[in-house]
């Protein structure tokens, strides 16, 4: 069995290299993603976000990573530096809460973005 901390941490280099299939493969079939208040309630909407709608590219730096094995939850904080589709620089802090099912797949992810 993979360590859920390693699975959550694997997201950041994968998305930085635009490995969308790795990212989508992390989610359970009934996965849910809440990104800064925008809800993606199923795999079709999660796939659409990562394949068509995601507006940024760049590099994530993990600053903190904690887990609670009993609740199968991983908490990640960090910083993103990159640009949007128009080439405008983007830089912000983030916090992600990853919830895993018994098969080590993401059942729910919550992302919070800090600006300013």
PDB file of N, CA and C in Angstrom:
ATOM      1  N   UNK A   1       0.850  -1.188   0.000  1.00  0.00           N
ATOM      2  CA  UNK A   1       0.000   0.000   0.000  1.00  0.00           C
ATOM      3  C   UNK A   1       0.887   1.240   0.000  1.00  0.00           C
ATOM      4  N   UNK A   2       0.542   2.208  -0.816  1.00  0.00           N
ATOM      5  CA  UNK A   2       1.265   3.472  -0.863  1.00  0.00           C
ATOM      6  C   UNK A   2       0.936   4.308   0.361  1.00  0.00           C
ATOM      7  N   UNK A   3       1.871   5.133   0.744  1.00  0.00           N
ATOM      8  CA  UNK A   3       1.645   6.080   1.818  1.00  0.00           C
ATOM      9  C   UNK A   3       0.841   7.239   1.238  1.00  0.00           C
ATOM     10  N   UNK A   4      -0.266   7.590   1.862  1.00  0.00           N
ATOM     11  CA  UNK A   4      -1.123   8.649   1.322  1.00  0.00           C
ATOM     12  C   UNK A   4      -0.396   9.989   1.251  1.00  0.00           C
ATOM     13  N   UNK A   5       0.596  10.204   2.107  1.00  0.00           N
ATOM     14  CA  UNK A   5       1.389  11.441   2.028  1.00  0.00           C
ATOM     15  C   UNK A   5       2.162  11.482   0.710  1.00  0.00           C
ATOM     16  N   UNK A   6       2.746  10.333   0.328  1.00  0.00           N
ATOM     17  CA  UNK A   6       3.487  10.273  -0.929  1.00  0.00           C
ATOM     18  C   UNK A   6       2.564  10.470  -2.127  1.00  0.00           C
ATOM     19  N   UNK A   7       1.364   9.910  -2.039  1.00  0.00           N
ATOM     20  CA  UNK A   7       0.404  10.052  -3.137  1.00  0.00           C
ATOM     21  C   UNK A   7       0.025  11.523  -3.301  1.00  0.00           C
ATOM     22  N   UNK A   8      -0.316  12.193  -2.197  1.00  0.00           N
ATOM     23  CA  UNK A   8      -0.669  13.615  -2.273  1.00  0.00           C
ATOM     24  C   UNK A   8       0.504  14.429  -2.809  1.00  0.00           C
ATOM     25  N   UNK A   9       1.704  14.159  -2.306  1.00  0.00           N
ATOM     26  CA  UNK A   9       2.891  14.907  -2.753  1.00  0.00           C
ATOM     27  C   UNK A   9       3.176  14.681  -4.234  1.00  0.00           C
ATOM     28  N   UNK A  10       2.796  13.528  -4.769  1.00  0.00           N
ATOM     29  CA  UNK A  10       3.068  13.231  -6.187  1.00  0.00           C
ATOM     30  C   UNK A  10       2.262  14.123  -7.129  1.00  0.00           C
ATOM     31  N   UNK A  11       1.187  14.719  -6.627  1.00  0.00           N
ATOM     32  CA  UNK A  11       0.360  15.589  -7.465  1.00  0.00           C
ATOM     33  C   UNK A  11       1.155  16.781  -8.004  1.00  0.00           C
ATOM     34  N   UNK A  12       1.941  17.411  -7.155  1.00  0.00           N
ATOM     35  CA  UNK A  12       2.548  18.701  -7.487  1.00  0.00           C
ATOM     36  C   UNK A  12       3.563  18.608  -8.631  1.00  0.00           C
ATOM     37  N   UNK A  13       4.520  17.693  -8.608  1.00  0.00           N
ATOM     38  CA  UNK A  13       5.396  17.584  -9.781  1.00  0.00           C
ATOM     39  C   UNK A  13       4.634  17.095 -11.018  1.00  0.00           C
ATOM     40  N   UNK A  14       3.598  16.271 -10.821  1.00  0.00           N
ATOM     41  CA  UNK A  14       2.814  15.789 -11.968  1.00  0.00           C
ATOM     42  C   UNK A  14       2.090  16.946 -12.654  1.00  0.00           C
ATOM     43  N   UNK A  15       1.419  17.791 -11.895  1.00  0.00           N
ATOM     44  CA  UNK A  15       0.689  18.894 -12.515  1.00  0.00           C
ATOM     45  C   UNK A  15       1.661  19.930 -13.085  1.00  0.00           C
ATOM     46  N   UNK A  16       2.824  20.094 -12.446  1.00  0.00           N
ATOM     47  CA  UNK A  16       3.824  21.034 -12.958  1.00  0.00           C
ATOM     48  C   UNK A  16       4.345  20.606 -14.330  1.00  0.00           C
ATOM     49  N   UNK A  17       4.387  19.302 -14.596  1.00  0.00           N
ATOM     50  CA  UNK A  17       4.831  18.816 -15.913  1.00  0.00           C
ATOM     51  C   UNK A  17       3.627  18.503 -16.826  1.00  0.00           C
ATOM     52  N   UNK A  18       2.449  18.945 -16.422  1.00  0.00           N
ATOM     53  CA  UNK A  18       1.201  18.787 -17.189  1.00  0.00           C
ATOM     54  C   UNK A  18       0.834  17.325 -17.417  1.00  0.00           C
ATOM     55  N   UNK A  19       1.122  16.470 -16.440  1.00  0.00           N
ATOM     56  CA  UNK A  19       0.775  15.054 -16.512  1.00  0.00           C
ATOM     57  C   UNK A  19      -0.645  14.859 -15.983  1.00  0.00           C
ATOM     58  N   UNK A  20      -1.609  15.253 -16.802  1.00  0.00           N
ATOM     59  CA  UNK A  20      -3.010  15.236 -16.400  1.00  0.00           C
ATOM     60  C   UNK A  20      -3.488  13.813 -16.125  1.00  0.00           C
ATOM     61  N   UNK A  21      -3.011  12.841 -16.859  1.00  0.00           N
ATOM     62  CA  UNK A  21      -3.444  11.457 -16.636  1.00  0.00           C
ATOM     63  C   UNK A  21      -3.033  10.966 -15.249  1.00  0.00           C
ATOM     64  N   UNK A  22      -1.834  11.337 -14.791  1.00  0.00           N
ATOM     65  CA  UNK A  22      -1.433  10.987 -13.422  1.00  0.00           C
ATOM     66  C   UNK A  22      -2.392  11.630 -12.422  1.00  0.00           C
ATOM     67  N   UNK A  23      -2.663  12.909 -12.625  1.00  0.00           N
ATOM     68  CA  UNK A  23      -3.544  13.646 -11.716  1.00  0.00           C
ATOM     69  C   UNK A  23      -4.928  13.000 -11.675  1.00  0.00           C
ATOM     70  N   UNK A  24      -5.508  12.744 -12.831  1.00  0.00           N
ATOM     71  CA  UNK A  24      -6.847  12.148 -12.868  1.00  0.00           C
ATOM     72  C   UNK A  24      -6.855  10.744 -12.287  1.00  0.00           C
ATOM     73  N   UNK A  25      -5.769  10.014 -12.462  1.00  0.00           N
ATOM     74  CA  UNK A  25      -5.663   8.665 -11.913  1.00  0.00           C
ATOM     75  C   UNK A  25      -5.612   8.626 -10.399  1.00  0.00           C
ATOM     76  N   UNK A  26      -5.362   9.757  -9.768  1.00  0.00           N
ATOM     77  CA  UNK A  26      -5.332   9.828  -8.309  1.00  0.00           C
ATOM     78  C   UNK A  26      -6.733   9.778  -7.707  1.00  0.00           C
ATOM     79  N   UNK A  27      -7.743  10.205  -8.480  1.00  0.00           N
ATOM     80  CA  UNK A  27      -9.103  10.361  -7.962  1.00  0.00           C
ATOM     81  C   UNK A  27      -9.904   9.066  -8.019  1.00  0.00           C
ATOM     82  N   UNK A  28     -10.722   8.856  -7.009  1.00  0.00           N
ATOM     83  CA  UNK A  28     -11.708   7.776  -7.016  1.00  0.00           C
ATOM     84  C   UNK A  28     -12.780   8.115  -8.043  1.00  0.00           C
ATOM     85  N   UNK A  29     -13.484   7.113  -8.509  1.00  0.00           N
ATOM     86  CA  UNK A  29     -14.538   7.340  -9.496  1.00  0.00           C
ATOM     87  C   UNK A  29     -15.598   8.328  -9.000  1.00  0.00           C
ATOM     88  N   UNK A  30     -15.838   8.347  -7.705  1.00  0.00           N
ATOM     89  CA  UNK A  30     -16.817   9.270  -7.130  1.00  0.00           C
ATOM     90  C   UNK A  30     -16.129  10.481  -6.492  1.00  0.00           C
ATOM     91  N   UNK A  31     -14.944  10.833  -7.002  1.00  0.00           N
ATOM     92  CA  UNK A  31     -14.167  11.927  -6.437  1.00  0.00           C
ATOM     93  C   UNK A  31     -14.879  13.270  -6.526  1.00  0.00           C
ATOM     94  N   UNK A  32     -14.504  14.159  -5.616  1.00  0.00           N
ATOM     95  CA  UNK A  32     -15.077  15.503  -5.516  1.00  0.00           C
ATOM     96  C   UNK A  32     -13.923  16.474  -5.313  1.00  0.00           C
ATOM     97  N   UNK A  33     -13.957  17.621  -5.994  1.00  0.00           N
ATOM     98  CA  UNK A  33     -12.912  18.629  -5.858  1.00  0.00           C
ATOM     99  C   UNK A  33     -13.561  19.985  -5.640  1.00  0.00           C
ATOM    100  N   UNK A  34     -13.157  20.666  -4.570  1.00  0.00           N
ATOM    101  CA  UNK A  34     -13.604  22.027  -4.276  1.00  0.00           C
ATOM    102  C   UNK A  34     -12.374  22.911  -4.361  1.00  0.00           C
ATOM    103  N   UNK A  35     -12.286  23.709  -5.410  1.00  0.00           N
ATOM    104  CA  UNK A  35     -11.119  24.565  -5.634  1.00  0.00           C
ATOM    105  C   UNK A  35     -11.519  26.012  -5.429  1.00  0.00           C
ATOM    106  N   UNK A  36     -11.118  26.546  -4.288  1.00  0.00           N
ATOM    107  CA  UNK A  36     -11.368  27.956  -3.975  1.00  0.00           C
ATOM    108  C   UNK A  36     -12.847  28.316  -4.148  1.00  0.00           C
ATOM    109  N   UNK A  37     -13.720  27.423  -3.686  1.00  0.00           N
ATOM    110  CA  UNK A  37     -15.146  27.687  -3.717  1.00  0.00           C
ATOM    111  C   UNK A  37     -15.861  27.208  -4.969  1.00  0.00           C
ATOM    112  N   UNK A  38     -15.123  26.778  -5.969  1.00  0.00           N
ATOM    113  CA  UNK A  38     -15.742  26.225  -7.180  1.00  0.00           C
ATOM    114  C   UNK A  38     -15.764  24.711  -7.031  1.00  0.00           C
ATOM    115  N   UNK A  39     -16.952  24.135  -7.172  1.00  0.00           N
ATOM    116  CA  UNK A  39     -17.125  22.703  -6.912  1.00  0.00           C
ATOM    117  C   UNK A  39     -17.139  21.900  -8.206  1.00  0.00           C
ATOM    118  N   UNK A  40     -16.367  20.813  -8.192  1.00  0.00           N
ATOM    119  CA  UNK A  40     -16.323  19.847  -9.278  1.00  0.00           C
ATOM    120  C   UNK A  40     -16.791  18.527  -8.671  1.00  0.00           C
ATOM    121  N   UNK A  41     -18.083  18.211  -8.822  1.00  0.00           N
ATOM    122  CA  UNK A  41     -18.692  17.140  -8.026  1.00  0.00           C
ATOM    123  C   UNK A  41     -18.534  15.721  -8.570  1.00  0.00           C
ATOM    124  N   UNK A  42     -17.901  15.566  -9.721  1.00  0.00           N
ATOM    125  CA  UNK A  42     -17.773  14.219 -10.283  1.00  0.00           C
ATOM    126  C   UNK A  42     -16.554  14.182 -11.205  1.00  0.00           C
ATOM    127  N   UNK A  43     -16.209  12.973 -11.673  1.00  0.00           N
ATOM    128  CA  UNK A  43     -15.015  12.825 -12.490  1.00  0.00           C
ATOM    129  C   UNK A  43     -15.115  13.570 -13.818  1.00  0.00           C
ATOM    130  N   UNK A  44     -16.293  13.658 -14.386  1.00  0.00           N
ATOM    131  CA  UNK A  44     -16.430  14.385 -15.652  1.00  0.00           C
ATOM    132  C   UNK A  44     -16.057  15.858 -15.474  1.00  0.00           C
ATOM    133  N   UNK A  45     -16.521  16.477 -14.402  1.00  0.00           N
ATOM    134  CA  UNK A  45     -16.208  17.891 -14.177  1.00  0.00           C
ATOM    135  C   UNK A  45     -14.753  18.087 -13.735  1.00  0.00           C
ATOM    136  N   UNK A  46     -14.203  17.139 -12.975  1.00  0.00           N
ATOM    137  CA  UNK A  46     -12.793  17.211 -12.586  1.00  0.00           C
ATOM    138  C   UNK A  46     -11.917  17.095 -13.837  1.00  0.00           C
ATOM    139  N   UNK A  47     -12.239  16.132 -14.694  1.00  0.00           N
ATOM    140  CA  UNK A  47     -11.485  15.964 -15.946  1.00  0.00           C
ATOM    141  C   UNK A  47     -11.569  17.234 -16.797  1.00  0.00           C
ATOM    142  N   UNK A  48     -12.759  17.795 -16.945  1.00  0.00           N
ATOM    143  CA  UNK A  48     -12.919  19.007 -17.741  1.00  0.00           C
ATOM    144  C   UNK A  48     -12.061  20.135 -17.180  1.00  0.00           C
ATOM    145  N   UNK A  49     -12.032  20.280 -15.862  1.00  0.00           N
ATOM    146  CA  UNK A  49     -11.205  21.326 -15.261  1.00  0.00           C
ATOM    147  C   UNK A  49      -9.741  21.143 -15.634  1.00  0.00           C
ATOM    148  N   UNK A  50      -9.201  19.953 -15.409  1.00  0.00           N
ATOM    149  CA  UNK A  50      -7.777  19.747 -15.637  1.00  0.00           C
ATOM    150  C   UNK A  50      -7.408  19.722 -17.122  1.00  0.00           C
ATOM    151  N   UNK A  51      -8.290  19.246 -17.979  1.00  0.00           N
ATOM    152  CA  UNK A  51      -7.983  19.142 -19.406  1.00  0.00           C
ATOM    153  C   UNK A  51      -8.260  20.449 -20.150  1.00  0.00           C
ATOM    154  N   UNK A  52      -9.357  21.139 -19.814  1.00  0.00           N
ATOM    155  CA  UNK A  52      -9.776  22.289 -20.606  1.00  0.00           C
ATOM    156  C   UNK A  52      -9.736  23.638 -19.889  1.00  0.00           C
ATOM    157  N   UNK A  53     -10.050  23.648 -18.605  1.00  0.00           N
ATOM    158  CA  UNK A  53     -10.336  24.916 -17.931  1.00  0.00           C
ATOM    159  C   UNK A  53      -9.217  25.468 -17.055  1.00  0.00           C
ATOM    160  N   UNK A  54      -8.255  24.663 -16.690  1.00  0.00           N
ATOM    161  CA  UNK A  54      -7.194  25.137 -15.789  1.00  0.00           C
ATOM    162  C   UNK A  54      -6.432  26.270 -16.460  1.00  0.00           C
ATOM    163  N   UNK A  55      -6.295  27.389 -15.765  1.00  0.00           N
ATOM    164  CA  UNK A  55      -5.784  28.625 -16.355  1.00  0.00           C
ATOM    165  C   UNK A  55      -4.314  28.927 -16.070  1.00  0.00           C
ATOM    166  N   UNK A  56      -3.642  28.101 -15.277  1.00  0.00           N
ATOM    167  CA  UNK A  56      -2.281  28.423 -14.853  1.00  0.00           C
ATOM    168  C   UNK A  56      -1.316  27.285 -15.166  1.00  0.00           C
ATOM    169  N   UNK A  57      -0.039  27.643 -15.284  1.00  0.00           N
ATOM    170  CA  UNK A  57       1.032  26.653 -15.367  1.00  0.00           C
ATOM    171  C   UNK A  57       2.227  27.240 -14.639  1.00  0.00           C
ATOM    172  N   UNK A  58       3.021  26.365 -14.058  1.00  0.00           N
ATOM    173  CA  UNK A  58       4.173  26.834 -13.303  1.00  0.00           C
ATOM    174  C   UNK A  58       4.673  25.774 -12.361  1.00  0.00           C
ATOM    175  N   UNK A  59       5.189  26.218 -11.222  1.00  0.00           N
ATOM    176  CA  UNK A  59       5.839  25.327 -10.268  1.00  0.00           C
ATOM    177  C   UNK A  59       5.249  25.485  -8.876  1.00  0.00           C
ATOM    178  N   UNK A  60       4.914  24.350  -8.280  1.00  0.00           N
ATOM    179  CA  UNK A  60       4.459  24.309  -6.890  1.00  0.00           C
ATOM    180  C   UNK A  60       5.634  23.956  -5.989  1.00  0.00           C
ATOM    181  N   UNK A  61       5.751  24.632  -4.870  1.00  0.00           N
ATOM    182  CA  UNK A  61       6.741  24.307  -3.842  1.00  0.00           C
ATOM    183  C   UNK A  61       5.988  23.928  -2.573  1.00  0.00           C
ATOM    184  N   UNK A  62       6.231  22.732  -2.078  1.00  0.00           N
ATOM    185  CA  UNK A  62       5.598  22.293  -0.834  1.00  0.00           C
ATOM    186  C   UNK A  62       6.373  22.875   0.342  1.00  0.00           C
ATOM    187  N   UNK A  63       5.641  23.515   1.244  1.00  0.00           N
ATOM    188  CA  UNK A  63       6.252  24.087   2.443  1.00  0.00           C
ATOM    189  C   UNK A  63       5.939  23.271   3.686  1.00  0.00           C
ATOM    190  N   UNK A  64       4.806  22.582   3.688  1.00  0.00           N
ATOM    191  CA  UNK A  64       4.430  21.742   4.816  1.00  0.00           C
ATOM    192  C   UNK A  64       3.539  20.611   4.356  1.00  0.00           C
ATOM    193  N   UNK A  65       3.675  19.462   4.997  1.00  0.00           N
ATOM    194  CA  UNK A  65       2.853  18.307   4.656  1.00  0.00           C
ATOM    195  C   UNK A  65       2.628  17.507   5.930  1.00  0.00           C
ATOM    196  N   UNK A  66       1.362  17.316   6.287  1.00  0.00           N
ATOM    197  CA  UNK A  66       0.992  16.584   7.488  1.00  0.00           C
ATOM    198  C   UNK A  66      -0.109  15.601   7.139  1.00  0.00           C
ATOM    199  N   UNK A  67      -0.229  14.558   7.921  1.00  0.00           N
ATOM    200  CA  UNK A  67      -1.304  13.603   7.660  1.00  0.00           C
ATOM    201  C   UNK A  67      -1.927  13.114   8.957  1.00  0.00           C
ATOM    202  N   UNK A  68      -3.151  12.675   8.835  1.00  0.00           N
ATOM    203  CA  UNK A  68      -3.852  11.990   9.908  1.00  0.00           C
ATOM    204  C   UNK A  68      -4.286  10.647   9.331  1.00  0.00           C
ATOM    205  N   UNK A  69      -3.568   9.613   9.683  1.00  0.00           N
ATOM    206  CA  UNK A  69      -3.812   8.291   9.104  1.00  0.00           C
ATOM    207  C   UNK A  69      -5.199   7.764   9.459  1.00  0.00           C
ATOM    208  N   UNK A  70      -5.674   8.061  10.656  1.00  0.00           N
ATOM    209  CA  UNK A  70      -6.981   7.553  11.069  1.00  0.00           C
ATOM    210  C   UNK A  70      -8.100   8.067  10.167  1.00  0.00           C
ATOM    211  N   UNK A  71      -8.058   9.361   9.836  1.00  0.00           N
ATOM    212  CA  UNK A  71      -9.098   9.928   8.974  1.00  0.00           C
ATOM    213  C   UNK A  71      -8.711   9.858   7.493  1.00  0.00           C
ATOM    214  N   UNK A  72      -7.490   9.355   7.209  1.00  0.00           N
ATOM    215  CA  UNK A  72      -6.986   9.218   5.836  1.00  0.00           C
ATOM    216  C   UNK A  72      -6.992  10.578   5.123  1.00  0.00           C
ATOM    217  N   UNK A  73      -6.456  11.582   5.843  1.00  0.00           N
ATOM    218  CA  UNK A  73      -6.430  12.954   5.355  1.00  0.00           C
ATOM    219  C   UNK A  73      -4.994  13.466   5.332  1.00  0.00           C
ATOM    220  N   UNK A  74      -4.650  14.192   4.267  1.00  0.00           N
ATOM    221  CA  UNK A  74      -3.329  14.808   4.138  1.00  0.00           C
ATOM    222  C   UNK A  74      -3.533  16.302   3.948  1.00  0.00           C
ATOM    223  N   UNK A  75      -2.725  17.086   4.639  1.00  0.00           N
ATOM    224  CA  UNK A  75      -2.764  18.541   4.572  1.00  0.00           C
ATOM    225  C   UNK A  75      -1.459  19.023   3.953  1.00  0.00           C
ATOM    226  N   UNK A  76      -1.543  19.856   2.935  1.00  0.00           N
ATOM    227  CA  UNK A  76      -0.354  20.369   2.254  1.00  0.00           C
ATOM    228  C   UNK A  76      -0.465  21.885   2.159  1.00  0.00           C
ATOM    229  N   UNK A  77       0.627  22.568   2.494  1.00  0.00           N
ATOM    230  CA  UNK A  77       0.716  24.008   2.275  1.00  0.00           C
ATOM    231  C   UNK A  77       1.905  24.259   1.364  1.00  0.00           C
ATOM    232  N   UNK A  78       1.828  25.349   0.625  1.00  0.00           N
ATOM    233  CA  UNK A  78       2.933  25.654  -0.267  1.00  0.00           C
ATOM    234  C   UNK A  78       2.737  26.940  -1.014  1.00  0.00           C
ATOM    235  N   UNK A  79       3.524  27.064  -2.079  1.00  0.00           N
ATOM    236  CA  UNK A  79       3.512  28.283  -2.888  1.00  0.00           C
ATOM    237  C   UNK A  79       3.564  27.905  -4.363  1.00  0.00           C
ATOM    238  N   UNK A  80       2.837  28.649  -5.173  1.00  0.00           N
ATOM    239  CA  UNK A  80       2.833  28.469  -6.620  1.00  0.00           C
ATOM    240  C   UNK A  80       3.435  29.697  -7.284  1.00  0.00           C
ATOM    241  N   UNK A  81       4.319  29.469  -8.246  1.00  0.00           N
ATOM    242  CA  UNK A  81       4.860  30.539  -9.082  1.00  0.00           C
ATOM    243  C   UNK A  81       4.727  30.115 -10.531  1.00  0.00           C
ATOM    244  N   UNK A  82       4.131  30.964 -11.351  1.00  0.00           N
ATOM    245  CA  UNK A  82       3.958  30.626 -12.756  1.00  0.00           C
ATOM    246  C   UNK A  82       3.279  31.749 -13.498  1.00  0.00           C
ATOM    247  N   UNK A  83       2.402  31.350 -14.437  1.00  0.00           N
ATOM    248  CA  UNK A  83       1.698  32.337 -15.250  1.00  0.00           C
ATOM    249  C   UNK A  83       0.341  31.798 -15.650  1.00  0.00           C
ATOM    250  N   UNK A  84      -0.526  32.724 -16.029  1.00  0.00           N
ATOM    251  CA  UNK A  84      -1.826  32.302 -16.556  1.00  0.00           C
ATOM    252  C   UNK A  84      -1.704  32.106 -18.065  1.00  0.00           C
ATOM    253  N   UNK A  85      -2.803  31.751 -18.707  1.00  0.00           N
ATOM    254  CA  UNK A  85      -2.762  31.466 -20.153  1.00  0.00           C
ATOM    255  C   UNK A  85      -2.343  32.660 -20.987  1.00  0.00           C
ATOM    256  N   UNK A  86      -2.568  33.864 -20.472  1.00  0.00           N
ATOM    257  CA  UNK A  86      -2.192  35.084 -21.201  1.00  0.00           C
ATOM    258  C   UNK A  86      -0.731  35.459 -20.971  1.00  0.00           C
ATOM    259  N   UNK A  87      -0.033  34.713 -20.101  1.00  0.00           N
ATOM    260  CA  UNK A  87       1.360  35.001 -19.814  1.00  0.00           C
ATOM    261  C   UNK A  87       1.583  35.933 -18.644  1.00  0.00           C
ATOM    262  N   UNK A  88       0.505  36.303 -17.964  1.00  0.00           N
ATOM    263  CA  UNK A  88       0.622  37.178 -16.802  1.00  0.00           C
ATOM    264  C   UNK A  88       1.183  36.388 -15.622  1.00  0.00           C
ATOM    265  N   UNK A  89       2.225  36.912 -14.965  1.00  0.00           N
ATOM    266  CA  UNK A  89       2.794  36.190 -13.825  1.00  0.00           C
ATOM    267  C   UNK A  89       1.760  35.974 -12.721  1.00  0.00           C
ATOM    268  N   UNK A  90       1.809  34.808 -12.117  1.00  0.00           N
ATOM    269  CA  UNK A  90       0.918  34.452 -10.996  1.00  0.00           C
ATOM    270  C   UNK A  90       1.774  33.879  -9.881  1.00  0.00           C
ATOM    271  N   UNK A  91       1.544  34.315  -8.670  1.00  0.00           N
ATOM    272  CA  UNK A  91       2.274  33.833  -7.509  1.00  0.00           C
ATOM    273  C   UNK A  91       1.338  33.887  -6.310  1.00  0.00           C
ATOM    274  N   UNK A  92       1.148  32.751  -5.637  1.00  0.00           N
ATOM    275  CA  UNK A  92       0.245  32.724  -4.486  1.00  0.00           C
ATOM    276  C   UNK A  92       0.534  31.515  -3.612  1.00  0.00           C
ATOM    277  N   UNK A  93       0.112  31.637  -2.364  1.00  0.00           N
ATOM    278  CA  UNK A  93       0.176  30.511  -1.452  1.00  0.00           C
ATOM    279  C   UNK A  93      -1.043  29.628  -1.628  1.00  0.00           C
ATOM    280  N   UNK A  94      -0.925  28.382  -1.191  1.00  0.00           N
ATOM    281  CA  UNK A  94      -2.062  27.474  -1.269  1.00  0.00           C
ATOM    282  C   UNK A  94      -2.060  26.527  -0.075  1.00  0.00           C
ATOM    283  N   UNK A  95      -3.226  26.003   0.196  1.00  0.00           N
ATOM    284  CA  UNK A  95      -3.399  24.926   1.174  1.00  0.00           C
ATOM    285  C   UNK A  95      -4.348  23.921   0.550  1.00  0.00           C
ATOM    286  N   UNK A  96      -3.957  22.662   0.568  1.00  0.00           N
ATOM    287  CA  UNK A  96      -4.788  21.580   0.044  1.00  0.00           C
ATOM    288  C   UNK A  96      -5.096  20.599   1.157  1.00  0.00           C
ATOM    289  N   UNK A  97      -6.322  20.141   1.183  1.00  0.00           N
ATOM    290  CA  UNK A  97      -6.729  19.063   2.091  1.00  0.00           C
ATOM    291  C   UNK A  97      -7.169  17.903   1.213  1.00  0.00           C
ATOM    292  N   UNK A  98      -6.471  16.795   1.340  1.00  0.00           N
ATOM    293  CA  UNK A  98      -6.711  15.592   0.551  1.00  0.00           C
ATOM    294  C   UNK A  98      -7.368  14.543   1.421  1.00  0.00           C
ATOM    295  N   UNK A  99      -8.483  13.992   0.981  1.00  0.00           N
ATOM    296  CA  UNK A  99      -9.177  12.916   1.682  1.00  0.00           C
ATOM    297  C   UNK A  99      -9.066  11.654   0.816  1.00  0.00           C
ATOM    298  N   UNK A 100      -8.637  10.561   1.412  1.00  0.00           N
ATOM    299  CA  UNK A 100      -8.416   9.324   0.668  1.00  0.00           C
ATOM    300  C   UNK A 100      -9.389   8.238   1.095  1.00  0.00           C
ATOM    301  N   UNK A 101      -9.790   7.428   0.110  1.00  0.00           N
ATOM    302  CA  UNK A 101     -10.618   6.268   0.427  1.00  0.00           C
ATOM    303  C   UNK A 101      -9.706   5.083   0.805  1.00  0.00           C
ATOM    304  N   UNK A 102     -10.304   3.945   1.087  1.00  0.00           N
ATOM    305  CA  UNK A 102      -9.531   2.774   1.518  1.00  0.00           C
ATOM    306  C   UNK A 102      -8.639   2.204   0.417  1.00  0.00           C
ATOM    307  N   UNK A 103      -8.903   2.578  -0.837  1.00  0.00           N
ATOM    308  CA  UNK A 103      -8.088   2.122  -1.965  1.00  0.00           C
ATOM    309  C   UNK A 103      -6.977   3.119  -2.305  1.00  0.00           C
ATOM    310  N   UNK A 104      -6.745   4.083  -1.404  1.00  0.00           N
ATOM    311  CA  UNK A 104      -5.726   5.114  -1.592  1.00  0.00           C
ATOM    312  C   UNK A 104      -6.006   6.021  -2.789  1.00  0.00           C
ATOM    313  N   UNK A 105      -7.265   6.232  -3.094  1.00  0.00           N
ATOM    314  CA  UNK A 105      -7.669   7.154  -4.154  1.00  0.00           C
ATOM    315  C   UNK A 105      -8.282   8.383  -3.490  1.00  0.00           C
ATOM    316  N   UNK A 106      -8.186   9.507  -4.157  1.00  0.00           N
ATOM    317  CA  UNK A 106      -8.711  10.764  -3.614  1.00  0.00           C
ATOM    318  C   UNK A 106     -10.233  10.758  -3.722  1.00  0.00           C
ATOM    319  N   UNK A 107     -10.883  10.783  -2.571  1.00  0.00           N
ATOM    320  CA  UNK A 107     -12.345  10.857  -2.554  1.00  0.00           C
ATOM    321  C   UNK A 107     -12.814  12.309  -2.530  1.00  0.00           C
ATOM    322  N   UNK A 108     -11.981  13.189  -1.949  1.00  0.00           N
ATOM    323  CA  UNK A 108     -12.330  14.615  -1.873  1.00  0.00           C
ATOM    324  C   UNK A 108     -11.030  15.411  -1.742  1.00  0.00           C
ATOM    325  N   UNK A 109     -10.984  16.525  -2.433  1.00  0.00           N
ATOM    326  CA  UNK A 109      -9.854  17.443  -2.302  1.00  0.00           C
ATOM    327  C   UNK A 109     -10.411  18.843  -2.173  1.00  0.00           C
ATOM    328  N   UNK A 110      -9.838  19.597  -1.263  1.00  0.00           N
ATOM    329  CA  UNK A 110     -10.213  20.989  -1.034  1.00  0.00           C
ATOM    330  C   UNK A 110      -8.968  21.843  -1.214  1.00  0.00           C
ATOM    331  N   UNK A 111      -9.029  22.867  -2.061  1.00  0.00           N
ATOM    332  CA  UNK A 111      -7.909  23.758  -2.301  1.00  0.00           C
ATOM    333  C   UNK A 111      -8.284  25.178  -1.917  1.00  0.00           C
ATOM    334  N   UNK A 112      -7.386  25.814  -1.192  1.00  0.00           N
ATOM    335  CA  UNK A 112      -7.563  27.199  -0.772  1.00  0.00           C
ATOM    336  C   UNK A 112      -6.383  27.998  -1.283  1.00  0.00           C
ATOM    337  N   UNK A 113      -6.661  29.138  -1.907  1.00  0.00           N
ATOM    338  CA  UNK A 113      -5.632  29.957  -2.518  1.00  0.00           C
ATOM    339  C   UNK A 113      -5.511  31.280  -1.791  1.00  0.00           C
ATOM    340  N   UNK A 114      -4.271  31.733  -1.576  1.00  0.00           N
ATOM    341  CA  UNK A 114      -4.022  33.005  -0.907  1.00  0.00           C
ATOM    342  C   UNK A 114      -3.423  33.966  -1.921  1.00  0.00           C
ATOM    343  N   UNK A 115      -3.922  35.175  -1.921  1.00  0.00           N
ATOM    344  CA  UNK A 115      -3.347  36.181  -2.818  1.00  0.00           C
ATOM    345  C   UNK A 115      -3.065  37.439  -2.017  1.00  0.00           C
ATOM    346  N   UNK A 116      -2.136  38.224  -2.530  1.00  0.00           N
ATOM    347  CA  UNK A 116      -1.819  39.485  -1.884  1.00  0.00           C
ATOM    348  C   UNK A 116      -0.811  39.380  -0.791  1.00  0.00           C
TER     349      UNK A 116
END
